[in-house]
Amino acid sequence: LKPEDTAVYYCAKGLQSVVASTPWYYDTWGQ
């Protein structure tokens, strides 16, 4: 880990089974 990794980390569920990097693809988020 590096200092630049400092952040709030969230997990999210995608719309389908395949991966995607676009934020709109994820429709449910943790806190």
Full PDB file with SEQRES, HELIX, SHEET, SSBOND, CRYST1, ORIGX, SCALE, CONECT and MASTER records, all heavy atoms in Angstrom:
SEQRES   1 A   31  LEU LYS PRO GLU ASP THR ALA VAL TYR TYR CYS ALA LYS          
SEQRES   2 A   31  GLY LEU GLN SER VAL VAL ALA SER THR PRO TRP TYR TYR          
SEQRES   3 A   31  ASP THR TRP GLY GLN                                          
HELIX    1 AA1 PRO A    3  ASP A    5  5                                   3    
HELIX    2 AA2 PRO A   23  TYR A   25  5                                   3    
SHEET    1 AA1 2 ALA A  12  GLY A  14  0                                        
SHEET    2 AA1 2 TYR A  26  TRP A  29 -1                                        
CRYST1    1.000    1.000    1.000  90.00  90.00  90.00 P 1           1          
ORIGX1      1.000000  0.000000  0.000000        0.00000                         
ORIGX2      0.000000  1.000000  0.000000        0.00000                         
ORIGX3      0.000000  0.000000  1.000000        0.00000                         
SCALE1      1.000000  0.000000  0.000000        0.00000                         
SCALE2      0.000000  1.000000  0.000000        0.00000                         
SCALE3      0.000000  0.000000  1.000000        0.00000                         
ATOM      1  N   LEU A   1       0.823  -1.209   0.000  1.00  0.00           N  
ATOM      2  CA  LEU A   1       0.000   0.000   0.000  1.00  0.00           C  
ATOM      3  C   LEU A   1       0.856   1.257   0.000  1.00  0.00           C  
ATOM      4  O   LEU A   1       1.923   1.305   0.610  1.00  0.00           O  
ATOM      5  CB  LEU A   1      -0.936  -0.006   1.197  1.00  0.00           C  
ATOM      6  CG  LEU A   1      -2.153  -0.923   1.037  1.00  0.00           C  
ATOM      7  CD1 LEU A   1      -2.793  -1.210   2.385  1.00  0.00           C  
ATOM      8  CD2 LEU A   1      -3.168  -0.290   0.082  1.00  0.00           C  
ATOM      9  N   LYS A   2       0.360   2.265  -0.700  1.00  0.00           N  
ATOM     10  CA  LYS A   2       1.025   3.552  -0.826  1.00  0.00           C  
ATOM     11  C   LYS A   2       0.124   4.647  -0.274  1.00  0.00           C  
ATOM     12  O   LYS A   2      -1.092   4.488  -0.246  1.00  0.00           O  
ATOM     13  CB  LYS A   2       1.338   3.845  -2.296  1.00  0.00           C  
ATOM     14  CG  LYS A   2       2.149   2.778  -3.005  1.00  0.00           C  
ATOM     15  CD  LYS A   2       2.291   3.103  -4.487  1.00  0.00           C  
ATOM     16  CE  LYS A   2       3.091   2.048  -5.216  1.00  0.00           C  
ATOM     17  NZ  LYS A   2       3.204   2.352  -6.666  1.00  0.00           N  
ATOM     18  N   PRO A   3       0.698   5.779   0.144  1.00  0.00           N  
ATOM     19  CA  PRO A   3      -0.142   6.879   0.627  1.00  0.00           C  
ATOM     20  C   PRO A   3      -1.203   7.307  -0.382  1.00  0.00           C  
ATOM     21  O   PRO A   3      -2.303   7.694   0.027  1.00  0.00           O  
ATOM     22  CB  PRO A   3       0.868   7.999   0.881  1.00  0.00           C  
ATOM     23  CG  PRO A   3       2.118   7.274   1.235  1.00  0.00           C  
ATOM     24  CD  PRO A   3       2.135   6.057   0.344  1.00  0.00           C  
ATOM     25  N   GLU A   4      -0.911   7.228  -1.668  1.00  0.00           N  
ATOM     26  CA  GLU A   4      -1.885   7.607  -2.676  1.00  0.00           C  
ATOM     27  C   GLU A   4      -3.054   6.635  -2.793  1.00  0.00           C  
ATOM     28  O   GLU A   4      -4.019   6.913  -3.510  1.00  0.00           O  
ATOM     29  CB  GLU A   4      -1.218   7.783  -4.052  1.00  0.00           C  
ATOM     30  CG  GLU A   4      -0.353   6.617  -4.466  1.00  0.00           C  
ATOM     31  CD  GLU A   4       1.125   6.852  -4.165  1.00  0.00           C  
ATOM     32  OE1 GLU A   4       1.434   7.316  -3.057  1.00  0.00           O  
ATOM     33  OE2 GLU A   4       1.963   6.568  -5.051  1.00  0.00           O  
ATOM     34  N   ASP A   5      -2.988   5.502  -2.101  1.00  0.00           N  
ATOM     35  CA  ASP A   5      -4.122   4.588  -2.035  1.00  0.00           C  
ATOM     36  C   ASP A   5      -5.154   5.022  -1.002  1.00  0.00           C  
ATOM     37  O   ASP A   5      -6.225   4.414  -0.913  1.00  0.00           O  
ATOM     38  CB  ASP A   5      -3.656   3.170  -1.700  1.00  0.00           C  
ATOM     39  CG  ASP A   5      -2.786   2.558  -2.781  1.00  0.00           C  
ATOM     40  OD1 ASP A   5      -3.100   2.738  -3.980  1.00  0.00           O  
ATOM     41  OD2 ASP A   5      -1.795   1.886  -2.437  1.00  0.00           O  
ATOM     42  N   THR A   6      -4.841   6.035  -0.217  1.00  0.00           N  
ATOM     43  CA  THR A   6      -5.761   6.520   0.803  1.00  0.00           C  
ATOM     44  C   THR A   6      -7.055   7.008   0.160  1.00  0.00           C  
ATOM     45  O   THR A   6      -7.034   7.864  -0.726  1.00  0.00           O  
ATOM     46  CB  THR A   6      -5.121   7.646   1.610  1.00  0.00           C  
ATOM     47  OG1 THR A   6      -3.998   7.139   2.332  1.00  0.00           O  
ATOM     48  CG2 THR A   6      -6.117   8.245   2.600  1.00  0.00           C  
ATOM     49  N   ALA A   7      -8.181   6.460   0.604  1.00  0.00           N  
ATOM     50  CA  ALA A   7      -9.479   6.794   0.034  1.00  0.00           C  
ATOM     51  C   ALA A   7     -10.557   6.029   0.779  1.00  0.00           C  
ATOM     52  O   ALA A   7     -10.269   5.143   1.588  1.00  0.00           O  
ATOM     53  CB  ALA A   7      -9.528   6.436  -1.458  1.00  0.00           C  
ATOM     54  N   VAL A   8     -11.798   6.377   0.499  1.00  0.00           N  
ATOM     55  CA  VAL A   8     -12.917   5.544   0.897  1.00  0.00           C  
ATOM     56  C   VAL A   8     -13.146   4.537  -0.218  1.00  0.00           C  
ATOM     57  O   VAL A   8     -13.265   4.916  -1.387  1.00  0.00           O  
ATOM     58  CB  VAL A   8     -14.189   6.370   1.154  1.00  0.00           C  
ATOM     59  CG1 VAL A   8     -15.356   5.451   1.501  1.00  0.00           C  
ATOM     60  CG2 VAL A   8     -13.951   7.371   2.272  1.00  0.00           C  
ATOM     61  N   TYR A   9     -13.208   3.271   0.129  1.00  0.00           N  
ATOM     62  CA  TYR A   9     -13.377   2.205  -0.841  1.00  0.00           C  
ATOM     63  C   TYR A   9     -14.804   1.691  -0.805  1.00  0.00           C  
ATOM     64  O   TYR A   9     -15.355   1.421   0.262  1.00  0.00           O  
ATOM     65  CB  TYR A   9     -12.396   1.064  -0.564  1.00  0.00           C  
ATOM     66  CG  TYR A   9     -10.987   1.383  -1.005  1.00  0.00           C  
ATOM     67  CD1 TYR A   9     -10.228   2.313  -0.314  1.00  0.00           C  
ATOM     68  CD2 TYR A   9     -10.425   0.765  -2.123  1.00  0.00           C  
ATOM     69  CE1 TYR A   9      -8.942   2.630  -0.730  1.00  0.00           C  
ATOM     70  CE2 TYR A   9      -9.146   1.072  -2.533  1.00  0.00           C  
ATOM     71  CZ  TYR A   9      -8.405   2.005  -1.838  1.00  0.00           C  
ATOM     72  OH  TYR A   9      -7.127   2.307  -2.251  1.00  0.00           O  
ATOM     73  N   TYR A  10     -15.400   1.541  -1.984  1.00  0.00           N  
ATOM     74  CA  TYR A  10     -16.775   1.096  -2.136  1.00  0.00           C  
ATOM     75  C   TYR A  10     -16.830  -0.154  -3.002  1.00  0.00           C  
ATOM     76  O   TYR A  10     -16.098  -0.257  -3.989  1.00  0.00           O  
ATOM     77  CB  TYR A  10     -17.630   2.163  -2.821  1.00  0.00           C  
ATOM     78  CG  TYR A  10     -17.668   3.503  -2.132  1.00  0.00           C  
ATOM     79  CD1 TYR A  10     -16.700   4.460  -2.391  1.00  0.00           C  
ATOM     80  CD2 TYR A  10     -18.690   3.812  -1.247  1.00  0.00           C  
ATOM     81  CE1 TYR A  10     -16.738   5.698  -1.774  1.00  0.00           C  
ATOM     82  CE2 TYR A  10     -18.739   5.046  -0.628  1.00  0.00           C  
ATOM     83  CZ  TYR A  10     -17.760   5.989  -0.897  1.00  0.00           C  
ATOM     84  OH  TYR A  10     -17.805   7.217  -0.282  1.00  0.00           O  
ATOM     85  N   CYS A  11     -17.701  -1.084  -2.668  1.00  0.00           N  
ATOM     86  CA  CYS A  11     -17.998  -2.160  -3.591  1.00  0.00           C  
ATOM     87  C   CYS A  11     -19.312  -1.861  -4.302  1.00  0.00           C  
ATOM     88  O   CYS A  11     -20.149  -1.118  -3.804  1.00  0.00           O  
ATOM     89  CB  CYS A  11     -18.047  -3.528  -2.892  1.00  0.00           C  
ATOM     90  SG  CYS A  11     -19.358  -3.740  -1.679  1.00  0.00           S  
ATOM     91  N   ALA A  12     -19.470  -2.439  -5.482  1.00  0.00           N  
ATOM     92  CA  ALA A  12     -20.634  -2.151  -6.307  1.00  0.00           C  
ATOM     93  C   ALA A  12     -21.000  -3.366  -7.143  1.00  0.00           C  
ATOM     94  O   ALA A  12     -20.142  -4.165  -7.504  1.00  0.00           O  
ATOM     95  CB  ALA A  12     -20.358  -0.954  -7.220  1.00  0.00           C  
ATOM     96  N   LYS A  13     -22.275  -3.484  -7.467  1.00  0.00           N  
ATOM     97  CA  LYS A  13     -22.810  -4.565  -8.279  1.00  0.00           C  
ATOM     98  C   LYS A  13     -23.051  -4.087  -9.686  1.00  0.00           C  
ATOM     99  O   LYS A  13     -23.678  -3.039  -9.900  1.00  0.00           O  
ATOM    100  CB  LYS A  13     -24.122  -5.090  -7.692  1.00  0.00           C  
ATOM    101  CG  LYS A  13     -24.719  -6.246  -8.487  1.00  0.00           C  
ATOM    102  CD  LYS A  13     -26.152  -6.548  -8.062  1.00  0.00           C  
ATOM    103  CE  LYS A  13     -27.129  -5.560  -8.680  1.00  0.00           C  
ATOM    104  NZ  LYS A  13     -27.238  -5.699 -10.155  1.00  0.00           N  
ATOM    105  N   GLY A  14     -22.602  -4.855 -10.664  1.00  0.00           N  
ATOM    106  CA  GLY A  14     -22.826  -4.539 -12.054  1.00  0.00           C  
ATOM    107  C   GLY A  14     -24.202  -4.954 -12.526  1.00  0.00           C  
ATOM    108  O   GLY A  14     -24.935  -5.675 -11.846  1.00  0.00           O  
ATOM    109  N   LEU A  15     -24.559  -4.491 -13.722  1.00  0.00           N  
ATOM    110  CA  LEU A  15     -25.861  -4.808 -14.291  1.00  0.00           C  
ATOM    111  C   LEU A  15     -25.928  -6.222 -14.851  1.00  0.00           C  
ATOM    112  O   LEU A  15     -27.003  -6.830 -14.875  1.00  0.00           O  
ATOM    113  CB  LEU A  15     -26.204  -3.814 -15.406  1.00  0.00           C  
ATOM    114  CG  LEU A  15     -26.482  -2.381 -14.975  1.00  0.00           C  
ATOM    115  CD1 LEU A  15     -26.553  -1.475 -16.206  1.00  0.00           C  
ATOM    116  CD2 LEU A  15     -27.770  -2.300 -14.176  1.00  0.00           C  
ATOM    117  N   GLN A  16     -24.787  -6.752 -15.301  1.00  0.00           N  
ATOM    118  CA  GLN A  16     -24.725  -8.061 -15.909  1.00  0.00           C  
ATOM    119  C   GLN A  16     -23.551  -8.844 -15.358  1.00  0.00           C  
ATOM    120  O   GLN A  16     -22.877  -8.393 -14.429  1.00  0.00           O  
ATOM    121  CB  GLN A  16     -24.629  -7.926 -17.437  1.00  0.00           C  
ATOM    122  CG  GLN A  16     -25.834  -7.247 -18.071  1.00  0.00           C  
ATOM    123  CD  GLN A  16     -25.675  -7.081 -19.566  1.00  0.00           C  
ATOM    124  OE1 GLN A  16     -24.570  -6.920 -20.075  1.00  0.00           O  
ATOM    125  NE2 GLN A  16     -26.789  -7.121 -20.275  1.00  0.00           N  
ATOM    126  N   SER A  17     -23.268  -9.995 -15.935  1.00  0.00           N  
ATOM    127  CA  SER A  17     -22.215 -10.858 -15.433  1.00  0.00           C  
ATOM    128  C   SER A  17     -20.825 -10.449 -15.907  1.00  0.00           C  
ATOM    129  O   SER A  17     -19.834 -10.800 -15.265  1.00  0.00           O  
ATOM    130  CB  SER A  17     -22.481 -12.312 -15.831  1.00  0.00           C  
ATOM    131  OG  SER A  17     -22.479 -12.467 -17.243  1.00  0.00           O  
ATOM    132  N   VAL A  18     -20.735  -9.711 -17.011  1.00  0.00           N  
ATOM    133  CA  VAL A  18     -19.446  -9.323 -17.562  1.00  0.00           C  
ATOM    134  C   VAL A  18     -18.918  -8.086 -16.855  1.00  0.00           C  
ATOM    135  O   VAL A  18     -19.676  -7.299 -16.287  1.00  0.00           O  
ATOM    136  CB  VAL A  18     -19.540  -9.059 -19.075  1.00  0.00           C  
ATOM    137  CG1 VAL A  18     -19.907 -10.336 -19.810  1.00  0.00           C  
ATOM    138  CG2 VAL A  18     -20.564  -7.972 -19.368  1.00  0.00           C  
ATOM    139  N   VAL A  19     -17.597  -7.892 -16.902  1.00  0.00           N  
ATOM    140  CA  VAL A  19     -16.978  -6.743 -16.255  1.00  0.00           C  
ATOM    141  C   VAL A  19     -17.082  -5.520 -17.145  1.00  0.00           C  
ATOM    142  O   VAL A  19     -17.176  -5.615 -18.368  1.00  0.00           O  
ATOM    143  CB  VAL A  19     -15.501  -7.000 -15.904  1.00  0.00           C  
ATOM    144  CG1 VAL A  19     -15.386  -8.106 -14.873  1.00  0.00           C  
ATOM    145  CG2 VAL A  19     -14.705  -7.340 -17.155  1.00  0.00           C  
ATOM    146  N   ALA A  20     -17.059  -4.354 -16.522  1.00  0.00           N  
ATOM    147  CA  ALA A  20     -17.042  -3.078 -17.214  1.00  0.00           C  
ATOM    148  C   ALA A  20     -16.430  -2.040 -16.291  1.00  0.00           C  
ATOM    149  O   ALA A  20     -16.505  -2.170 -15.065  1.00  0.00           O  
ATOM    150  CB  ALA A  20     -18.444  -2.654 -17.634  1.00  0.00           C  
ATOM    151  N   SER A  21     -15.812  -1.017 -16.878  1.00  0.00           N  
ATOM    152  CA  SER A  21     -15.156   0.019 -16.099  1.00  0.00           C  
ATOM    153  C   SER A  21     -15.959   1.306 -16.004  1.00  0.00           C  
ATOM    154  O   SER A  21     -15.557   2.226 -15.294  1.00  0.00           O  
ATOM    155  CB  SER A  21     -13.779   0.332 -16.690  1.00  0.00           C  
ATOM    156  OG  SER A  21     -13.888   0.773 -18.029  1.00  0.00           O  
ATOM    157  N   THR A  22     -17.083   1.374 -16.677  1.00  0.00           N  
ATOM    158  CA  THR A  22     -17.907   2.576 -16.706  1.00  0.00           C  
ATOM    159  C   THR A  22     -18.799   2.641 -15.482  1.00  0.00           C  
ATOM    160  O   THR A  22     -19.502   1.674 -15.174  1.00  0.00           O  
ATOM    161  CB  THR A  22     -18.766   2.607 -17.971  1.00  0.00           C  
ATOM    162  OG1 THR A  22     -17.940   2.360 -19.111  1.00  0.00           O  
ATOM    163  CG2 THR A  22     -19.438   3.954 -18.138  1.00  0.00           C  
ATOM    164  N   PRO A  23     -18.824   3.763 -14.752  1.00  0.00           N  
ATOM    165  CA  PRO A  23     -19.607   3.837 -13.514  1.00  0.00           C  
ATOM    166  C   PRO A  23     -21.090   3.540 -13.673  1.00  0.00           C  
ATOM    167  O   PRO A  23     -21.695   2.958 -12.770  1.00  0.00           O  
ATOM    168  CB  PRO A  23     -19.369   5.283 -13.044  1.00  0.00           C  
ATOM    169  CG  PRO A  23     -18.031   5.637 -13.600  1.00  0.00           C  
ATOM    170  CD  PRO A  23     -17.975   4.955 -14.944  1.00  0.00           C  
ATOM    171  N   TRP A  24     -21.695   3.944 -14.806  1.00  0.00           N  
ATOM    172  CA  TRP A  24     -23.130   3.724 -14.983  1.00  0.00           C  
ATOM    173  C   TRP A  24     -23.500   2.261 -15.051  1.00  0.00           C  
ATOM    174  O   TRP A  24     -24.676   1.916 -14.901  1.00  0.00           O  
ATOM    175  CB  TRP A  24     -23.650   4.452 -16.231  1.00  0.00           C  
ATOM    176  CG  TRP A  24     -22.980   4.073 -17.534  1.00  0.00           C  
ATOM    177  CD1 TRP A  24     -22.034   4.798 -18.209  1.00  0.00           C  
ATOM    178  CD2 TRP A  24     -23.214   2.901 -18.313  1.00  0.00           C  
ATOM    179  NE1 TRP A  24     -21.668   4.138 -19.365  1.00  0.00           N  
ATOM    180  CE2 TRP A  24     -22.383   2.967 -19.456  1.00  0.00           C  
ATOM    181  CE3 TRP A  24     -24.052   1.784 -18.169  1.00  0.00           C  
ATOM    182  CZ2 TRP A  24     -22.357   1.979 -20.431  1.00  0.00           C  
ATOM    183  CZ3 TRP A  24     -24.024   0.786 -19.143  1.00  0.00           C  
ATOM    184  CH2 TRP A  24     -23.188   0.901 -20.253  1.00  0.00           C  
ATOM    185  N   TYR A  25     -22.539   1.399 -15.250  1.00  0.00           N  
ATOM    186  CA  TYR A  25     -22.765  -0.038 -15.320  1.00  0.00           C  
ATOM    187  C   TYR A  25     -23.093  -0.638 -13.951  1.00  0.00           C  
ATOM    188  O   TYR A  25     -23.629  -1.741 -13.872  1.00  0.00           O  
ATOM    189  CB  TYR A  25     -21.525  -0.709 -15.903  1.00  0.00           C  
ATOM    190  CG  TYR A  25     -21.652  -2.199 -16.142  1.00  0.00           C  
ATOM    191  CD1 TYR A  25     -22.378  -2.697 -17.212  1.00  0.00           C  
ATOM    192  CD2 TYR A  25     -21.017  -3.104 -15.296  1.00  0.00           C  
ATOM    193  CE1 TYR A  25     -22.472  -4.057 -17.442  1.00  0.00           C  
ATOM    194  CE2 TYR A  25     -21.103  -4.468 -15.522  1.00  0.00           C  
ATOM    195  CZ  TYR A  25     -21.832  -4.942 -16.603  1.00  0.00           C  
ATOM    196  OH  TYR A  25     -21.910  -6.292 -16.824  1.00  0.00           O  
ATOM    197  N   TYR A  26     -22.789   0.082 -12.898  1.00  0.00           N  
ATOM    198  CA  TYR A  26     -22.984  -0.418 -11.532  1.00  0.00           C  
ATOM    199  C   TYR A  26     -24.195   0.257 -10.901  1.00  0.00           C  
ATOM    200  O   TYR A  26     -24.262   1.487 -10.822  1.00  0.00           O  
ATOM    201  CB  TYR A  26     -21.711  -0.197 -10.706  1.00  0.00           C  
ATOM    202  CG  TYR A  26     -20.545  -0.935 -11.306  1.00  0.00           C  
ATOM    203  CD1 TYR A  26     -19.750  -0.349 -12.285  1.00  0.00           C  
ATOM    204  CD2 TYR A  26     -20.262  -2.242 -10.926  1.00  0.00           C  
ATOM    205  CE1 TYR A  26     -18.702  -1.053 -12.872  1.00  0.00           C  
ATOM    206  CE2 TYR A  26     -19.212  -2.939 -11.505  1.00  0.00           C  
ATOM    207  CZ  TYR A  26     -18.442  -2.343 -12.476  1.00  0.00           C  
ATOM    208  OH  TYR A  26     -17.404  -3.038 -13.054  1.00  0.00           O  
ATOM    209  N   ASP A  27     -25.141  -0.536 -10.435  1.00  0.00           N  
ATOM    210  CA  ASP A  27     -26.425   0.005  -9.998  1.00  0.00           C  
ATOM    211  C   ASP A  27     -26.688  -0.104  -8.496  1.00  0.00           C  
ATOM    212  O   ASP A  27     -27.712   0.393  -8.017  1.00  0.00           O  
ATOM    213  CB  ASP A  27     -27.575  -0.649 -10.772  1.00  0.00           C  
ATOM    214  CG  ASP A  27     -27.683  -2.149 -10.534  1.00  0.00           C  
ATOM    215  OD1 ASP A  27     -26.822  -2.725  -9.834  1.00  0.00           O  
ATOM    216  OD2 ASP A  27     -28.641  -2.747 -11.060  1.00  0.00           O  
ATOM    217  N   THR A  28     -25.805  -0.750  -7.749  1.00  0.00           N  
ATOM    218  CA  THR A  28     -25.949  -0.862  -6.306  1.00  0.00           C  
ATOM    219  C   THR A  28     -24.598  -0.649  -5.654  1.00  0.00           C  
ATOM    220  O   THR A  28     -23.594  -1.202  -6.110  1.00  0.00           O  
ATOM    221  CB  THR A  28     -26.511  -2.236  -5.902  1.00  0.00           C  
ATOM    222  OG1 THR A  28     -27.738  -2.489  -6.605  1.00  0.00           O  
ATOM    223  CG2 THR A  28     -26.779  -2.275  -4.402  1.00  0.00           C  
ATOM    224  N   TRP A  29     -24.573   0.146  -4.594  1.00  0.00           N  
ATOM    225  CA  TRP A  29     -23.324   0.537  -3.943  1.00  0.00           C  
ATOM    226  C   TRP A  29     -23.387   0.317  -2.442  1.00  0.00           C  
ATOM    227  O   TRP A  29     -24.431   0.496  -1.818  1.00  0.00           O  
ATOM    228  CB  TRP A  29     -23.024   2.019  -4.208  1.00  0.00           C  
ATOM    229  CG  TRP A  29     -22.862   2.337  -5.658  1.00  0.00           C  
ATOM    230  CD1 TRP A  29     -23.846   2.504  -6.589  1.00  0.00           C  
ATOM    231  CD2 TRP A  29     -21.629   2.519  -6.353  1.00  0.00           C  
ATOM    232  NE1 TRP A  29     -23.301   2.769  -7.821  1.00  0.00           N  
ATOM    233  CE2 TRP A  29     -21.947   2.789  -7.701  1.00  0.00           C  
ATOM    234  CE3 TRP A  29     -20.293   2.485  -5.954  1.00  0.00           C  
ATOM    235  CZ2 TRP A  29     -20.966   3.019  -8.660  1.00  0.00           C  
ATOM    236  CZ3 TRP A  29     -19.318   2.713  -6.907  1.00  0.00           C  
ATOM    237  CH2 TRP A  29     -19.653   2.981  -8.242  1.00  0.00           C  
ATOM    238  N   GLY A  30     -22.247  -0.058  -1.859  1.00  0.00           N  
ATOM    239  CA  GLY A  30     -22.135  -0.106  -0.415  1.00  0.00           C  
ATOM    240  C   GLY A  30     -21.877   1.269   0.154  1.00  0.00           C  
ATOM    241  O   GLY A  30     -21.758   2.266  -0.571  1.00  0.00           O  
ATOM    242  N   GLN A  31     -21.766   1.343   1.471  1.00  0.00           N  
ATOM    243  CA  GLN A  31     -21.565   2.615   2.157  1.00  0.00           C  
ATOM    244  C   GLN A  31     -20.107   3.040   2.230  1.00  0.00           C  
ATOM    245  O   GLN A  31     -19.817   4.199   2.526  1.00  0.00           O  
ATOM    246  CB  GLN A  31     -22.158   2.552   3.562  1.00  0.00           C  
ATOM    247  CG  GLN A  31     -23.672   2.397   3.569  1.00  0.00           C  
ATOM    248  CD  GLN A  31     -24.351   3.547   2.867  1.00  0.00           C  
ATOM    249  OE1 GLN A  31     -24.149   4.707   3.219  1.00  0.00           O  
ATOM    250  NE2 GLN A  31     -25.161   3.227   1.861  1.00  0.00           N  
TER     251      GLN A  31                                                      
MASTER        0    0    0    2    2    0    0    6  250    1    0    3          
END                                                                             
